[in-house]
C-alpha atoms as a PDB file:
ATOM      1  CA  MET A   1     142.660 105.687 194.258  1.00  0.00           C
ATOM      2  CA  ASN A   2     146.279 106.422 194.095  1.00  0.00           C
ATOM      3  CA  ALA A   3     147.845 109.823 193.652  1.00  0.00           C
ATOM      4  CA  MET A   4     148.847 109.162 190.018  1.00  0.00           C
ATOM      5  CA  ARG A   5     145.286 108.655 188.952  1.00  0.00           C
ATOM      6  CA  LEU A   6     144.079 111.757 190.866  1.00  0.00           C
ATOM      7  CA  ARG A   7     146.500 114.180 189.235  1.00  0.00           C
ATOM      8  CA  PRO A   8     144.677 114.434 185.854  1.00  0.00           C
ATOM      9  CA  LEU A   9     141.358 114.959 187.740  1.00  0.00           C
ATOM     10  CA  ALA A  10     143.048 117.614 189.988  1.00  0.00           C
ATOM     11  CA  LEU A  11     144.477 119.347 186.884  1.00  0.00           C
ATOM     12  CA  LEU A  12     141.079 119.328 185.208  1.00  0.00           C
ATOM     13  CA  ALA A  13     139.491 120.703 188.436  1.00  0.00           C
ATOM     14  CA  LEU A  14     142.154 123.447 188.625  1.00  0.00           C
ATOM     15  CA  ILE A  15     141.652 124.479 184.975  1.00  0.00           C
ATOM     16  CA  ALA A  16     137.815 124.667 185.593  1.00  0.00           C
ATOM     17  CA  VAL A  17     138.339 126.801 188.744  1.00  0.00           C
ATOM     18  CA  LEU A  18     140.979 129.066 187.007  1.00  0.00           C
ATOM     19  CA  ALA A  19     138.521 129.837 184.119  1.00  0.00           C
ATOM     20  CA  HIS A  20     136.290 131.609 186.622  1.00  0.00           C
ATOM     21  CA  CYS A  21     138.919 133.389 188.717  1.00  0.00           C
ATOM     22  CA  SER A  22     140.372 136.789 188.915  1.00  0.00           C
ATOM     23  CA  GLN A  23     143.976 137.328 187.932  1.00  0.00           C
ATOM     24  CA  GLU A  24     145.154 137.443 191.584  1.00  0.00           C
ATOM     25  CA  GLN A  25     143.087 134.255 192.446  1.00  0.00           C
ATOM     26  CA  ARG A  26     144.710 132.564 189.418  1.00  0.00           C
ATOM     27  CA  ALA A  27     148.175 133.524 190.611  1.00  0.00           C
ATOM     28  CA  THR A  28     147.477 132.262 194.178  1.00  0.00           C
ATOM     29  CA  LEU A  29     146.002 128.928 192.865  1.00  0.00           C
ATOM     30  CA  SER A  30     149.059 128.459 190.608  1.00  0.00           C
ATOM     31  CA  THR A  31     151.398 129.226 193.424  1.00  0.00           C
ATOM     32  CA  LEU A  32     149.501 126.697 195.735  1.00  0.00           C
ATOM     33  CA  GLN A  33     149.697 124.091 192.993  1.00  0.00           C
ATOM     34  CA  ALA A  34     153.429 124.632 192.377  1.00  0.00           C
ATOM     35  CA  THR A  35     154.209 124.622 196.083  1.00  0.00           C
ATOM     36  CA  GLN A  36     152.131 121.442 196.654  1.00  0.00           C
ATOM     37  CA  GLU A  37     154.101 119.668 193.753  1.00  0.00           C
ATOM     38  CA  LYS A  38     157.477 120.740 195.285  1.00  0.00           C
ATOM     39  CA  LEU A  39     156.325 119.452 198.783  1.00  0.00           C
ATOM     40  CA  ALA A  40     155.117 116.190 197.245  1.00  0.00           C
ATOM     41  CA  ALA A  41     158.504 115.682 195.462  1.00  0.00           C
ATOM     42  CA  GLU A  42     160.356 116.341 198.748  1.00  0.00           C
ATOM     43  CA  LEU A  43     158.177 114.266 200.990  1.00  0.00           C
ATOM     44  CA  LYS A  44     157.806 111.154 199.149  1.00  0.00           C
ATOM     45  CA  PRO A  45     156.216 108.593 199.603  1.00  0.00           C
ATOM     46  CA  ALA A  46     153.640 110.516 201.767  1.00  0.00           C
ATOM     47  CA  GLU A  47     150.645 112.181 200.213  1.00  0.00           C
ATOM     48  CA  VAL A  48     150.699 116.113 200.712  1.00  0.00           C
ATOM     49  CA  GLY A  49     147.891 118.594 201.032  1.00  0.00           C
ATOM     50  CA  LEU A  50     148.273 122.259 201.051  1.00  0.00           C
ATOM     51  CA  ASN A  51     145.619 124.760 202.094  1.00  0.00           C
ATOM     52  CA  LEU A  52     145.655 128.594 202.317  1.00  0.00           C
ATOM     53  CA  MET A  53     142.968 129.764 204.809  1.00  0.00           C
ATOM     54  CA  ASN A  54     141.869 133.373 204.659  1.00  0.00           C
ATOM     55  CA  GLY A  55     145.056 134.307 202.865  1.00  0.00           C
ATOM     56  CA  ARG A  56     146.839 134.323 206.160  1.00  0.00           C
ATOM     57  CA  PHE A  57     147.308 130.754 207.422  1.00  0.00           C
ATOM     58  CA  LEU A  58     149.154 128.089 205.353  1.00  0.00           C
ATOM     59  CA  VAL A  59     148.447 124.382 206.336  1.00  0.00           C
ATOM     60  CA  VAL A  60     150.476 121.506 205.206  1.00  0.00           C
ATOM     61  CA  ASN A  61     148.944 118.051 205.705  1.00  0.00           C
ATOM     62  CA  ILE A  62     151.510 115.071 205.386  1.00  0.00           C
ATOM     63  CA  ILE A  63     149.317 112.114 205.143  1.00  0.00           C
ATOM     64  CA  ASN A  64     150.436 108.478 205.847  1.00  0.00           C
ATOM     65  CA  SER A  65     154.164 109.427 206.166  1.00  0.00           C
ATOM     66  CA  PRO A  66     156.551 106.880 207.465  1.00  0.00           C
ATOM     67  CA  LEU A  67     157.581 109.647 209.902  1.00  0.00           C
ATOM     68  CA  ASN A  68     154.228 109.346 211.654  1.00  0.00           C
ATOM     69  CA  GLY A  69     155.787 106.684 213.950  1.00  0.00           C
ATOM     70  CA  ALA A  70     159.275 108.313 214.016  1.00  0.00           C
ATOM     71  CA  PRO A  71     160.785 109.945 217.107  1.00  0.00           C
ATOM     72  CA  GLU A  72     159.514 113.371 217.919  1.00  0.00           C
ATOM     73  CA  ALA A  73     162.813 115.128 217.013  1.00  0.00           C
ATOM     74  CA  GLU A  74     162.931 113.491 213.570  1.00  0.00           C
ATOM     75  CA  ARG A  75     159.329 114.404 212.870  1.00  0.00           C
ATOM     76  CA  ALA A  76     159.849 117.982 214.115  1.00  0.00           C
ATOM     77  CA  ALA A  77     162.918 118.436 211.818  1.00  0.00           C
ATOM     78  CA  HIS A  78     160.768 117.113 208.868  1.00  0.00           C
ATOM     79  CA  ALA A  79     158.001 119.432 209.770  1.00  0.00           C
ATOM     80  CA  ARG A  80     160.303 122.386 209.738  1.00  0.00           C
ATOM     81  CA  LYS A  81     161.686 121.553 206.335  1.00  0.00           C
ATOM     82  CA  ALA A  82     158.135 121.188 204.953  1.00  0.00           C
ATOM     83  CA  ALA A  83     157.164 124.511 206.466  1.00  0.00           C
ATOM     84  CA  GLU A  84     160.295 126.205 205.061  1.00  0.00           C
ATOM     85  CA  ILE A  85     159.392 124.869 201.571  1.00  0.00           C
ATOM     86  CA  ALA A  86     155.703 126.013 201.923  1.00  0.00           C
ATOM     87  CA  ASN A  87     156.785 129.455 203.224  1.00  0.00           C
ATOM     88  CA  GLY A  88     159.174 129.908 200.371  1.00  0.00           C
ATOM     89  CA  GLY A  89     156.224 129.518 198.029  1.00  0.00           C
ATOM     90  CA  GLY A  90     155.693 133.269 197.782  1.00  0.00           C
ATOM     91  CA  PHE A  91     152.430 133.774 199.750  1.00  0.00           C
ATOM     92  CA  PRO A  92     152.518 137.398 201.074  1.00  0.00           C
ATOM     93  CA  GLY A  93     150.753 138.166 204.323  1.00  0.00           C
ATOM     94  CA  ILE A  94     151.088 134.747 205.800  1.00  0.00           C
ATOM     95  CA  GLU A  95     150.832 134.819 209.631  1.00  0.00           C
ATOM     96  CA  SER A  96     151.645 131.146 210.290  1.00  0.00           C
ATOM     97  CA  VAL A  97     152.496 127.803 208.600  1.00  0.00           C
ATOM     98  CA  ARG A  98     151.049 124.726 210.239  1.00  0.00           C
ATOM     99  CA  VAL A  99     152.316 121.275 209.482  1.00  0.00           C
ATOM    100  CA  ASN A 100     150.051 118.295 210.343  1.00  0.00           C
ATOM    101  CA  PHE A 101     151.153 114.553 210.303  1.00  0.00           C
ATOM    102  CA  ILE A 102     148.049 112.640 209.625  1.00  0.00           C
ATOM    103  CA  ASN A 103     147.220 108.843 209.517  1.00  0.00           C
ATOM    104  CA  LYS A 104     144.389 108.241 207.083  1.00  0.00           C
ATOM    105  CA  SER A 105     142.655 104.974 206.484  1.00  0.00           C
ATOM    106  CA  GLY A 106     139.295 103.576 205.570  1.00  0.00           C
ATOM    107  CA  GLY A 107     137.319 101.883 202.847  1.00  0.00           C
ATOM    108  CA  PHE A 108     133.743 101.351 201.682  1.00  0.00           C
ATOM    109  CA  GLY A 109     133.070 105.098 201.678  1.00  0.00           C
ATOM    110  CA  VAL A 110     134.300 105.687 205.246  1.00  0.00           C
ATOM    111  CA  THR A 111     137.511 107.631 205.822  1.00  0.00           C
ATOM    112  CA  VAL A 112     139.152 107.727 209.313  1.00  0.00           C
ATOM    113  CA  THR A 113     141.788 110.386 209.895  1.00  0.00           C
ATOM    114  CA  LYS A 114     143.898 110.951 212.987  1.00  0.00           C
ATOM    115  CA  THR A 115     146.259 113.812 213.565  1.00  0.00           C
ATOM    116  CA  VAL A 116     149.506 112.332 214.896  1.00  0.00           C
ATOM    117  CA  ALA A 117     151.377 115.673 215.457  1.00  0.00           C
ATOM    118  CA  THR A 118     150.968 119.269 214.632  1.00  0.00           C
ATOM    119  CA  TYR A 119     153.734 121.859 214.414  1.00  0.00           C
ATOM    120  CA  SER A 120     153.280 125.648 213.881  1.00  0.00           C
ATOM    121  CA  PHE A 121     155.722 128.263 212.639  1.00  0.00           C
ATOM    122  CA  THR A 122     155.765 131.926 212.022  1.00  0.00           C
ATOM    123  CA  PRO A 123     157.324 133.186 208.829  1.00  0.00           C
ATOM    124  CA  ALA A 124     160.012 134.887 210.913  1.00  0.00           C
ATOM    125  CA  GLU A 125     160.978 131.542 212.458  1.00  0.00           C
ATOM    126  CA  LEU A 126     161.338 130.034 208.888  1.00  0.00           C
ATOM    127  CA  THR A 127     163.416 132.892 207.401  1.00  0.00           C
ATOM    128  CA  PRO A 128     167.116 132.279 207.658  1.00  0.00           C
ATOM    129  CA  ALA A 129     168.849 134.845 209.695  1.00  0.00           C
ATOM    130  CA  ALA A 130     171.182 137.084 207.897  1.00  0.00           C
ATOM    131  CA  PRO A 131     174.853 136.138 208.386  1.00  0.00           C
ATOM    132  CA  PRO A 132     176.475 138.302 211.038  1.00  0.00           C
ATOM    133  CA  THR A 133     178.499 141.188 209.472  1.00  0.00           C
ATOM    134  CA  PRO A 134     182.218 140.850 210.247  1.00  0.00           C
ATOM    135  CA  PRO A 135     183.439 143.375 212.602  1.00  0.00           C
ATOM    136  CA  THR A 136     185.121 146.452 211.197  1.00  0.00           C
ATOM    137  CA  PRO A 137     188.741 146.418 211.934  1.00  0.00           C
ATOM    138  CA  PRO A 138     189.974 149.504 213.968  1.00  0.00           C
ATOM    139  CA  ALA A 139     191.408 152.360 212.115  1.00  0.00           C
ATOM    140  CA  PRO A 140     195.151 152.475 212.067  1.00  0.00           C
ATOM    141  CA  GLN A 141     196.728 154.788 214.688  1.00  0.00           C
ATOM    142  CA  SER A 142     199.048 157.413 213.417  1.00  0.00           C
END
């Protein structure tokens, strides 16, 4: 099944879940959905999964990406970009963002997954540093 056919099913499942959730849970699920859509748009043609575990750990799974076979430096840069997008989603209390590159294959009811690479970041590592303040010029001497 391709991703386009799964989106309506995912939307229906999300609506069903939201009907039985608290306001805070609805906000978290909506934020997860919006962040996953943003990641999917940025990381085409790969399939993207996003999980929030225990409200503290954000996991981005990039599945069957062309970067799975790319050099380590290129994949690491891509992982950082994905982590920055996910971290910018607005999840308070996150302790780490993990990005997994995964190969997924299978058929006839059997799915085989293999993690190609995993990268982990803290929110502090993903937050851009404030630009340095310019030095204050010395006071004129009189």
